[in-house]
């Protein structure tokens, strides 16, 4: 690709390292530069319009142009553009946002800690798991379990918690205290003749076996996403969480729900924990907390955790944890405005109204020659590309067929999330039925283009 020396594309290549990107390839192809947003659409610097099929990074819940959020940021900047929350300081925006979150929490929660990202929220949860067990005199309970292919963030501890080997390689990760149990993906991991419920029982049994093998007195916590996002848009098999939570209660293991993707309406309830009847001790949230208009996250903790923190901080002289921008007044004000918009527009009700159209259009792709698995909930759906629908045989990974579909989708004005040969969709929650149809139509064209490519190459 030939670029003008002073073009934004050339300057980006010269100056900017992109996350989750093949850096060598980026030197060759450069960036797609987005210049503006309008509802569920984004526009690149050539003027091409795309339906953002995964709300940016699962987060632009209200779309890409919300004047109320811009005004909330501006007004707060005029009043108080920054202050910290260290050593007894606070702001009205942070206080009101904490109160709002506690009021809508899916289970009783006691307090809120603010951070700037979902990674930091989960990192904080990890630290509090250890802090809590030290406080109650059980320092040996230090191992933390998550699931294979789970994603909980990119800070060193949160990515160690994550079960994605590609994010561990050559970073000298994961750290030692982390363990990983079964990937609860029934389509890929269920055995021949095994029902969904039997598969869920096997996953719960294997979790219990892991706890027993490691030593129950050493297991501190178990982290889950209600629906696994970066793991491929994986919904839990029926009865899975009921059986897993029973194991956790049996061995006195803290339960943490990572609601960074699922929180604020994505699954058709305000929280994924409501959709799947979870009873967590801590809940992390981010992304749609501010509709992605400001970097902010929150960790809610129950009274058991907080009571131990109070005693331990008094014993040690301080709760020696925090971030410079935690509870930033501008970020908190924007997040608070986003919450008001959700309530005023009944965003959960809207998701429930349009989700049947999303479900119908996605499930129809099960008839496409390239699609084996279709699954989802609310406005989070995934499709898996297979070579043989009957045997579930995948294509050779070297073909990167998922990326081929993703590239064709972009030509047709749709941005999809490609995870191997899985295509995941989590559009802005404001999407309407006509826009869902446009998304599905573009996806259908991309799948047909890919099928033609394969037949020509055969």
Protein backbone atom coordinates (compact mmCIF):
# COMPACT_ATOMS: atom_id res chain seq x y z
CA UNK A 1 0.00 0.00 0.00
CA UNK A 2 1.37 3.41 -1.02
CA UNK A 3 0.66 6.22 1.42
CA UNK A 4 1.32 9.93 1.25
CA UNK A 5 4.11 10.70 3.76
CA UNK A 6 2.02 13.13 5.81
CA UNK A 7 -1.32 11.32 5.57
CA UNK A 8 -3.02 10.33 8.85
CA UNK A 9 -2.50 6.67 7.84
CA UNK A 10 1.27 7.09 7.40
CA UNK A 11 1.55 9.12 10.60
CA UNK A 12 -0.33 6.41 12.50
CA UNK A 13 2.04 3.71 11.25
CA UNK A 14 5.00 5.85 12.23
CA UNK A 15 3.83 6.76 15.72
CA UNK A 16 1.19 4.43 17.14
CA UNK A 17 1.24 0.89 18.55
CA UNK A 18 -2.18 -0.77 18.25
CA UNK A 19 -3.44 -3.33 20.80
CA UNK A 20 -4.61 -6.79 19.73
CA UNK A 21 -3.05 -6.20 16.30
CA UNK A 22 -0.48 -7.94 14.09
CA UNK A 23 2.11 -5.17 14.23
CA UNK A 24 3.98 -6.35 11.15
CA UNK A 25 0.78 -6.42 9.11
CA UNK A 26 -0.18 -2.99 10.43
CA UNK A 27 2.99 -1.56 8.90
CA UNK A 28 1.73 -2.84 5.56
CA UNK A 29 -2.00 -2.06 5.65
CA UNK A 30 -2.26 0.82 8.11
CA UNK A 31 -5.36 1.84 10.06
CA UNK A 32 -9.00 2.31 9.24
CA UNK A 33 -9.59 5.80 10.55
CA UNK A 34 -13.07 6.50 11.86
CA UNK A 35 -14.11 10.12 11.71
CA UNK A 36 -17.65 10.31 13.07
CA UNK A 37 -20.61 8.35 14.38
CA UNK A 38 -24.35 8.52 13.90
CA UNK A 39 -26.57 6.20 15.94
CA UNK A 40 -25.47 2.60 15.30
CA UNK A 41 -23.26 3.68 12.38
CA UNK A 42 -19.65 4.84 12.13
CA UNK A 43 -18.00 6.51 9.14
CA UNK A 44 -14.41 6.19 7.97
CA UNK A 45 -12.27 8.95 6.47
CA UNK A 46 -13.33 7.92 2.97
CA UNK A 47 -16.96 8.51 3.93
CA UNK A 48 -17.93 4.82 3.99
CA UNK A 49 -20.69 3.97 6.48
CA UNK A 50 -20.68 0.82 8.60
CA UNK A 51 -23.16 -0.73 11.00
CA UNK A 52 -21.03 -1.28 14.11
CA UNK A 53 -22.02 -4.88 14.80
CA UNK A 54 -20.26 -5.14 18.14
CA UNK A 55 -20.75 -1.60 19.50
CA UNK A 56 -17.05 -0.83 19.13
CA UNK A 57 -15.70 -3.15 21.80
CA UNK A 58 -19.07 -4.27 23.20
CA UNK A 59 -19.46 -0.86 24.82
CA UNK A 60 -21.16 1.88 22.75
CA UNK A 61 -24.57 0.90 24.05
CA UNK A 62 -26.26 4.17 23.07
CA UNK A 63 -24.50 4.43 19.74
CA UNK A 64 -21.83 6.86 18.63
CA UNK A 65 -23.46 10.29 18.84
CA UNK A 66 -25.25 11.16 22.09
CA UNK A 67 -25.48 14.89 22.67
CA UNK A 68 -26.71 14.50 26.25
CA UNK A 69 -23.54 12.69 27.23
CA UNK A 70 -21.36 15.33 25.57
CA UNK A 71 -23.23 18.06 27.45
CA UNK A 72 -22.91 16.17 30.74
CA UNK A 73 -19.14 15.99 30.27
CA UNK A 74 -18.91 19.67 29.33
CA UNK A 75 -21.02 20.86 32.24
CA UNK A 76 -19.03 18.80 34.73
CA UNK A 77 -15.74 20.03 33.28
CA UNK A 78 -16.90 23.61 33.85
CA UNK A 79 -17.73 22.87 37.50
CA UNK A 80 -14.90 20.52 38.43
CA UNK A 81 -12.75 19.02 35.69
CA UNK A 82 -10.85 16.71 38.02
CA UNK A 83 -10.43 15.72 41.60
CA UNK A 84 -9.34 12.49 43.23
CA UNK A 85 -11.03 10.20 45.75
CA UNK A 86 -7.98 9.49 47.92
CA UNK A 87 -7.89 10.24 51.65
CA UNK A 88 -11.55 11.08 52.30
CA UNK A 89 -12.16 13.21 49.15
CA UNK A 90 -15.12 12.77 46.84
CA UNK A 91 -17.36 14.53 44.34
CA UNK A 92 -21.14 14.73 43.97
CA UNK A 93 -21.03 12.84 40.66
CA UNK A 94 -19.10 9.91 42.15
CA UNK A 95 -21.42 9.74 45.16
CA UNK A 96 -24.59 9.80 43.09
CA UNK A 97 -23.25 7.20 40.63
CA UNK A 98 -22.30 4.85 43.47
CA UNK A 99 -25.79 5.21 44.94
CA UNK A 100 -27.38 4.54 41.55
CA UNK A 101 -25.35 1.37 41.02
CA UNK A 102 -26.17 0.00 44.47
CA UNK A 103 -29.86 0.72 43.84
CA UNK A 104 -29.94 -1.31 40.61
CA UNK A 105 -27.55 -4.10 41.65
CA UNK A 106 -28.98 -7.57 40.95
CA UNK A 107 -28.21 -8.76 44.47
CA UNK A 108 -27.61 -6.73 47.65
CA UNK A 109 -24.28 -4.92 47.49
CA UNK A 110 -22.67 -2.69 50.09
CA UNK A 111 -20.15 -0.39 48.43
CA UNK A 112 -18.64 0.63 45.08
CA UNK A 113 -15.00 1.07 44.06
CA UNK A 114 -14.33 3.05 40.87
CA UNK A 115 -11.63 2.45 38.28
CA UNK A 116 -11.03 3.44 34.66
CA UNK A 117 -11.48 0.13 32.81
CA UNK A 118 -12.94 -3.34 33.09
CA UNK A 119 -9.41 -4.72 33.35
CA UNK A 120 -8.75 -2.52 36.38
CA UNK A 121 -12.08 -3.48 37.94
CA UNK A 122 -11.24 -7.17 37.71
CA UNK A 123 -7.68 -6.51 38.85
CA UNK A 124 -9.14 -4.77 41.88
CA UNK A 125 -11.45 -7.71 42.51
CA UNK A 126 -8.46 -10.06 42.45
CA UNK A 127 -6.65 -7.91 45.01
CA UNK A 128 -9.73 -7.78 47.22
CA UNK A 129 -10.08 -11.57 47.12
CA UNK A 130 -6.61 -11.82 48.62
CA UNK A 131 -7.12 -8.87 50.98
CA UNK A 132 -10.34 -10.39 52.29
CA UNK A 133 -8.82 -13.78 53.00
CA UNK A 134 -5.83 -12.23 54.75
CA UNK A 135 -8.25 -10.12 56.79
CA UNK A 136 -10.24 -13.15 57.98
CA UNK A 137 -7.11 -15.14 58.83
CA UNK A 138 -7.09 -17.48 55.84
CA UNK A 139 -4.04 -16.36 53.82
CA UNK A 140 -3.68 -19.86 52.40
CA UNK A 141 -6.84 -19.29 50.34
CA UNK A 142 -5.00 -17.60 47.49
CA UNK A 143 -5.75 -19.54 44.29
CA UNK A 144 -8.32 -18.12 41.90
CA UNK A 145 -10.18 -20.10 39.24
CA UNK A 146 -11.63 -18.90 35.94
CA UNK A 147 -12.62 -20.73 32.74
CA UNK A 148 -10.61 -21.64 29.67
CA UNK A 149 -11.13 -19.03 26.93
CA UNK A 150 -12.60 -16.57 29.44
CA UNK A 151 -11.55 -12.95 29.11
CA UNK A 152 -11.32 -10.69 32.15
CA UNK A 153 -8.94 -7.95 31.03
CA UNK A 154 -5.41 -7.11 29.97
CA UNK A 155 -3.65 -5.94 33.11
CA UNK A 156 -1.12 -8.53 34.26
CA UNK A 157 -3.32 -10.13 36.91
CA UNK A 158 -6.60 -9.85 34.98
CA UNK A 159 -5.09 -11.43 31.87
CA UNK A 160 -3.62 -14.19 34.04
CA UNK A 161 -7.15 -14.79 35.25
CA UNK A 162 -8.27 -14.90 31.63
CA UNK A 163 -8.09 -18.28 29.94
CA UNK A 164 -6.74 -17.11 26.59
CA UNK A 165 -3.32 -18.58 25.86
CA UNK A 166 -2.64 -16.13 23.03
CA UNK A 167 -2.65 -13.31 25.59
CA UNK A 168 -0.21 -15.16 27.85
CA UNK A 169 2.44 -16.16 25.33
CA UNK A 170 5.82 -14.42 25.75
CA UNK A 171 4.47 -12.08 28.42
CA UNK A 172 5.65 -14.58 31.10
CA UNK A 173 2.03 -15.15 32.09
CA UNK A 174 -0.15 -16.39 33.68
CA UNK A 175 0.91 -15.69 37.25
CA UNK A 176 1.10 -18.69 39.54
CA UNK A 177 -2.09 -18.39 41.67
CA UNK A 178 -4.49 -18.76 38.73
CA UNK A 179 -6.19 -21.95 37.58
CA UNK A 180 -8.60 -22.65 34.73
CA UNK A 181 -11.49 -25.05 34.47
CA UNK A 182 -13.72 -26.23 31.61
CA UNK A 183 -14.78 -24.06 28.69
CA UNK A 184 -18.59 -24.37 28.97
CA UNK A 185 -19.24 -24.47 25.22
CA UNK A 186 -21.76 -27.21 24.63
CA UNK A 187 -21.51 -27.16 20.81
CA UNK A 188 -17.74 -27.70 20.84
CA UNK A 189 -17.13 -29.50 24.14
CA UNK A 190 -20.23 -31.62 24.63
CA UNK A 191 -19.71 -35.33 24.04
CA UNK A 192 -21.69 -37.45 21.58
CA UNK A 193 -25.12 -38.17 23.02
CA UNK A 194 -24.55 -35.88 26.02
CA UNK A 195 -27.43 -33.55 26.84
CA UNK A 196 -26.87 -29.90 27.70
CA UNK A 197 -27.78 -30.60 31.31
CA UNK A 198 -25.40 -33.56 31.49
CA UNK A 199 -22.63 -31.40 30.02
CA UNK A 200 -23.35 -28.75 32.67
CA UNK A 201 -23.10 -31.44 35.36
CA UNK A 202 -19.76 -32.59 33.95
CA UNK A 203 -18.44 -29.01 34.03
CA UNK A 204 -19.56 -28.58 37.64
CA UNK A 205 -18.07 -31.95 38.60
CA UNK A 206 -14.76 -31.02 36.99
CA UNK A 207 -14.74 -27.72 38.88
CA UNK A 208 -15.23 -29.64 42.11
CA UNK A 209 -12.46 -32.07 41.17
CA UNK A 210 -10.11 -29.16 40.50
CA UNK A 211 -10.93 -27.64 43.88
CA UNK A 212 -10.31 -30.96 45.59
CA UNK A 213 -7.06 -31.57 43.71
CA UNK A 214 -5.69 -28.12 44.54
CA UNK A 215 -6.92 -28.33 48.13
CA UNK A 216 -10.22 -26.69 49.16
CA UNK A 217 -8.42 -24.64 51.81
CA UNK A 218 -6.35 -22.96 49.07
CA UNK A 219 -9.17 -21.91 46.70
CA UNK A 220 -10.19 -18.28 47.18
CA UNK A 221 -12.53 -17.35 44.34
CA UNK A 222 -14.17 -18.22 41.04
CA UNK A 223 -14.70 -15.60 38.30
CA UNK A 224 -17.27 -15.84 35.49
CA UNK A 225 -18.76 -13.79 32.70
CA UNK A 226 -22.51 -14.54 32.53
CA UNK A 227 -22.04 -14.83 28.75
CA UNK A 228 -18.46 -15.28 27.55
CA UNK A 229 -17.74 -12.42 25.15
CA UNK A 230 -14.21 -12.62 23.77
CA UNK A 231 -14.37 -16.39 24.24
CA UNK A 232 -16.75 -16.45 21.29
CA UNK A 233 -20.14 -15.24 22.49
CA UNK A 234 -20.75 -18.41 24.50
CA UNK A 235 -24.01 -18.72 26.43
CA UNK A 236 -23.94 -21.10 29.39
CA UNK A 237 -25.48 -24.55 28.99
CA UNK A 238 -28.78 -25.08 30.77
CA UNK A 239 -28.43 -25.61 34.56
CA UNK A 240 -24.70 -24.71 34.45
CA UNK A 241 -24.73 -21.81 36.88
CA UNK A 242 -27.12 -23.52 39.27
CA UNK A 243 -24.73 -26.45 39.56
CA UNK A 244 -21.53 -24.39 39.66
CA UNK A 245 -22.81 -22.11 42.43
CA UNK A 246 -23.70 -25.14 44.51
CA UNK A 247 -20.06 -26.28 44.31
CA UNK A 248 -18.80 -22.83 45.30
CA UNK A 249 -21.06 -22.69 48.35
CA UNK A 250 -19.95 -26.17 49.39
CA UNK A 251 -16.29 -25.12 49.50
CA UNK A 252 -16.74 -21.52 50.69
CA UNK A 253 -15.34 -20.01 47.49
CA UNK A 254 -16.04 -16.35 46.69
CA UNK A 255 -18.03 -15.82 43.51
CA UNK A 256 -17.29 -12.84 41.24
CA UNK A 257 -19.47 -11.91 38.26
CA UNK A 258 -17.66 -10.06 35.48
CA UNK A 259 -20.49 -7.96 34.02
CA UNK A 260 -18.20 -5.79 31.91
CA UNK A 261 -19.91 -6.94 28.69
CA UNK A 262 -23.27 -8.19 29.98
CA UNK A 263 -24.15 -5.34 32.33
CA UNK A 264 -26.72 -2.62 31.50
CA UNK A 265 -29.14 -4.48 29.28
CA UNK A 266 -27.12 -6.60 26.89
CA UNK A 267 -28.80 -9.91 27.79
CA UNK A 268 -32.35 -8.55 28.06
CA UNK A 269 -32.06 -7.78 31.76
CA UNK A 270 -30.11 -4.98 33.40
CA UNK A 271 -27.53 -7.58 34.46
CA UNK A 272 -26.46 -10.95 33.12
CA UNK A 273 -26.60 -12.07 36.74
CA UNK A 274 -30.38 -11.61 36.59
CA UNK A 275 -30.64 -13.53 33.33
CA UNK A 276 -28.84 -16.54 34.82
CA UNK A 277 -29.76 -16.19 38.51
CA UNK A 278 -26.25 -15.53 39.81
CA UNK A 279 -25.60 -14.61 43.45
CA UNK A 280 -22.11 -13.09 43.35
CA UNK A 281 -20.05 -11.59 46.18
CA UNK A 282 -18.62 -8.96 43.82
CA UNK A 283 -19.74 -7.55 40.47
CA UNK A 284 -17.46 -5.75 38.05
CA UNK A 285 -18.86 -3.49 35.34
CA UNK A 286 -17.53 -1.03 32.76
CA UNK A 287 -18.12 -0.47 29.02
CA UNK A 288 -21.85 0.37 28.92
CA UNK A 289 -21.57 1.95 32.39
CA UNK A 290 -20.88 5.22 30.56
CA UNK A 291 -22.10 3.98 27.16
CA UNK A 292 -18.35 4.10 26.33
CA UNK A 293 -18.30 7.91 26.32
CA UNK A 294 -15.83 8.04 29.22
CA UNK A 295 -13.33 5.48 30.58
CA UNK A 296 -14.85 4.34 33.85
CA UNK A 297 -15.52 1.06 35.63
CA UNK A 298 -16.99 0.00 38.93
CA UNK A 299 -16.61 -2.93 41.28
CA UNK A 300 -19.50 -3.59 43.64
CA UNK A 301 -18.80 -5.59 46.78
CA UNK A 302 -21.13 -7.14 49.34
CA UNK A 303 -21.20 -6.37 53.03
CA UNK A 304 -19.15 -9.44 53.98
CA UNK A 305 -16.24 -8.23 51.86
CA UNK A 306 -16.56 -4.62 52.96
CA UNK A 307 -16.72 -5.43 56.69
CA UNK A 308 -13.45 -7.33 56.45
CA UNK A 309 -11.87 -4.45 54.50
CA UNK A 310 -12.86 -1.95 57.18
CA UNK A 311 -11.25 -3.97 59.95
CA UNK A 312 -8.11 -4.73 57.95
CA UNK A 313 -7.59 -1.15 56.80
CA UNK A 314 -7.87 0.06 60.40
CA UNK A 315 -5.40 -2.61 61.50
CA UNK A 316 -2.91 -1.66 58.78
CA UNK A 317 -3.55 2.08 58.96
CA UNK A 318 -4.97 2.50 55.46
CA UNK A 319 -6.68 0.72 52.59
CA UNK A 320 -3.59 1.08 50.42
CA UNK A 321 -5.19 0.70 46.98
CA UNK A 322 -6.46 3.11 44.35
CA UNK A 323 -6.06 4.89 41.03
CA UNK A 324 -5.41 8.54 40.18
CA UNK A 325 -8.54 8.77 38.04
CA UNK A 326 -10.80 6.53 40.14
CA UNK A 327 -14.21 8.19 40.42
CA UNK A 328 -13.10 10.97 38.06
CA UNK A 329 -15.91 13.54 38.29
CA UNK A 330 -16.29 13.93 34.52
CA UNK A 331 -16.38 10.19 33.88
CA UNK A 332 -18.80 9.72 36.78
CA UNK A 333 -21.08 12.49 35.52
CA UNK A 334 -21.23 10.96 32.05
CA UNK A 335 -21.87 7.49 33.46
CA UNK A 336 -24.62 8.89 35.66
CA UNK A 337 -26.24 10.56 32.64
CA UNK A 338 -26.03 7.27 30.72
CA UNK A 339 -27.86 5.55 33.57
CA UNK A 340 -30.56 8.21 33.46
CA UNK A 341 -30.97 7.68 29.72
CA UNK A 342 -31.29 3.91 30.24
CA UNK A 343 -34.06 4.49 32.76
CA UNK A 344 -35.91 7.18 30.79
CA UNK A 345 -35.84 5.23 27.52
CA UNK A 346 -36.45 1.83 29.15
CA UNK A 347 -33.38 0.42 27.44
CA UNK A 348 -34.00 -3.05 28.89
CA UNK A 349 -37.56 -3.01 27.54
CA UNK A 350 -36.26 -1.91 24.14
CA UNK A 351 -33.75 -4.78 24.08
CA UNK A 352 -36.54 -7.22 24.91
CA UNK A 353 -38.70 -5.79 22.12
CA UNK A 354 -36.06 -6.04 19.37
CA UNK A 355 -34.26 -9.18 20.59
CA UNK A 356 -36.78 -11.54 18.92
CA UNK A 357 -35.93 -10.01 15.53
CA UNK A 358 -32.21 -10.43 16.24
CA UNK A 359 -32.81 -14.02 17.33
CA UNK A 360 -34.86 -14.84 14.24
CA UNK A 361 -32.38 -13.32 11.82
CA UNK A 362 -29.39 -14.97 13.50
CA UNK A 363 -31.01 -18.40 13.82
CA UNK A 364 -31.92 -18.32 10.13
CA UNK A 365 -28.20 -18.52 9.36
CA UNK A 366 -28.20 -22.08 10.71
CA UNK A 367 -29.47 -23.00 7.23
CA UNK A 368 -26.43 -21.46 5.54
CA UNK A 369 -23.91 -24.06 4.25
CA UNK A 370 -21.07 -22.44 6.21
CA UNK A 371 -22.74 -22.10 9.62
CA UNK A 372 -22.79 -24.87 12.23
CA UNK A 373 -23.59 -23.24 15.54
CA UNK A 374 -25.84 -20.27 16.29
CA UNK A 375 -26.38 -19.14 19.85
CA UNK A 376 -27.05 -16.07 21.90
CA UNK A 377 -29.28 -14.10 24.21
CA UNK A 378 -30.73 -10.60 24.10
CA UNK A 379 -28.51 -8.57 21.77
CA UNK A 380 -25.44 -10.81 21.97
CA UNK A 381 -25.26 -13.51 19.28
CA UNK A 382 -22.58 -15.69 17.72
CA UNK A 383 -22.26 -17.94 14.68
CA UNK A 384 -19.59 -20.58 14.07
CA UNK A 385 -18.26 -21.39 10.62
CA UNK A 386 -17.75 -25.10 9.93
CA UNK A 387 -16.63 -27.23 7.02
CA UNK A 388 -19.08 -30.04 7.76
CA UNK A 389 -22.33 -29.22 9.54
CA UNK A 390 -23.06 -32.85 10.42
CA UNK A 391 -19.70 -33.65 12.05
CA UNK A 392 -18.93 -30.06 13.18
CA UNK A 393 -15.56 -30.37 11.43
CA UNK A 394 -13.90 -26.94 11.34
CA UNK A 395 -11.99 -25.48 8.44
CA UNK A 396 -8.20 -25.43 8.53
CA UNK A 397 -7.36 -22.47 10.83
CA UNK A 398 -4.70 -21.40 8.33
CA UNK A 399 -7.52 -20.39 5.96
CA UNK A 400 -8.65 -17.74 8.47
CA UNK A 401 -12.14 -18.08 7.12
CA UNK A 402 -13.66 -16.03 9.89
CA UNK A 403 -11.50 -13.10 8.87
CA UNK A 404 -12.51 -13.62 5.25
CA UNK A 405 -16.16 -13.28 6.24
CA UNK A 406 -15.27 -10.24 8.33
CA UNK A 407 -13.50 -8.61 5.38
CA UNK A 408 -16.43 -9.25 3.07
CA UNK A 409 -18.79 -7.89 5.74
CA UNK A 410 -16.84 -4.62 5.79
CA UNK A 411 -17.25 -4.32 2.03
CA UNK A 412 -20.99 -4.58 2.64
CA UNK A 413 -20.92 -1.97 5.41
CA UNK A 414 -20.88 -4.18 8.50
CA UNK A 415 -18.26 -4.50 11.22
CA UNK A 416 -18.32 -7.94 12.86
CA UNK A 417 -16.24 -9.29 15.73
CA UNK A 418 -14.18 -12.20 14.43
CA UNK A 419 -12.92 -14.71 17.02
CA UNK A 420 -11.24 -17.51 15.10
CA UNK A 421 -14.05 -18.93 12.99
CA UNK A 422 -16.77 -17.47 15.20
CA UNK A 423 -18.58 -14.29 14.26
CA UNK A 424 -19.97 -12.37 17.21
CA UNK A 425 -22.54 -9.57 17.20
CA UNK A 426 -23.38 -7.21 20.05
CA UNK A 427 -24.66 -4.03 18.38
CA UNK A 428 -25.54 -0.82 20.21
CA UNK A 429 -28.60 -1.45 22.37
CA UNK A 430 -30.50 1.31 20.59
CA UNK A 431 -30.56 -0.69 17.34
CA UNK A 432 -34.02 -0.99 15.78
CA UNK A 433 -35.57 -3.82 13.79
CA UNK A 434 -34.80 -2.27 10.40
CA UNK A 435 -31.16 -1.89 11.40
CA UNK A 436 -31.08 -5.49 12.62
CA UNK A 437 -32.34 -6.50 9.19
CA UNK A 438 -29.62 -4.40 7.53
CA UNK A 439 -27.00 -6.06 9.75
CA UNK A 440 -28.27 -9.53 8.89
CA UNK A 441 -28.56 -8.75 5.18
CA UNK A 442 -24.94 -7.58 5.06
CA UNK A 443 -23.83 -10.67 6.96
CA UNK A 444 -25.71 -12.91 4.54
CA UNK A 445 -23.95 -11.29 1.60
CA UNK A 446 -20.57 -11.74 3.31
CA UNK A 447 -21.24 -15.43 3.93
CA UNK A 448 -22.35 -15.93 0.33
CA UNK A 449 -19.22 -14.16 -0.93
CA UNK A 450 -17.05 -16.43 1.22
CA UNK A 451 -18.85 -19.53 -0.01
CA UNK A 452 -18.22 -18.44 -3.62
CA UNK A 453 -14.53 -17.92 -2.78
CA UNK A 454 -14.30 -21.46 -1.45
CA UNK A 455 -16.03 -22.97 -4.45
CA UNK A 456 -13.78 -21.10 -6.87
CA UNK A 457 -10.69 -22.30 -4.99
CA UNK A 458 -11.87 -25.92 -4.93
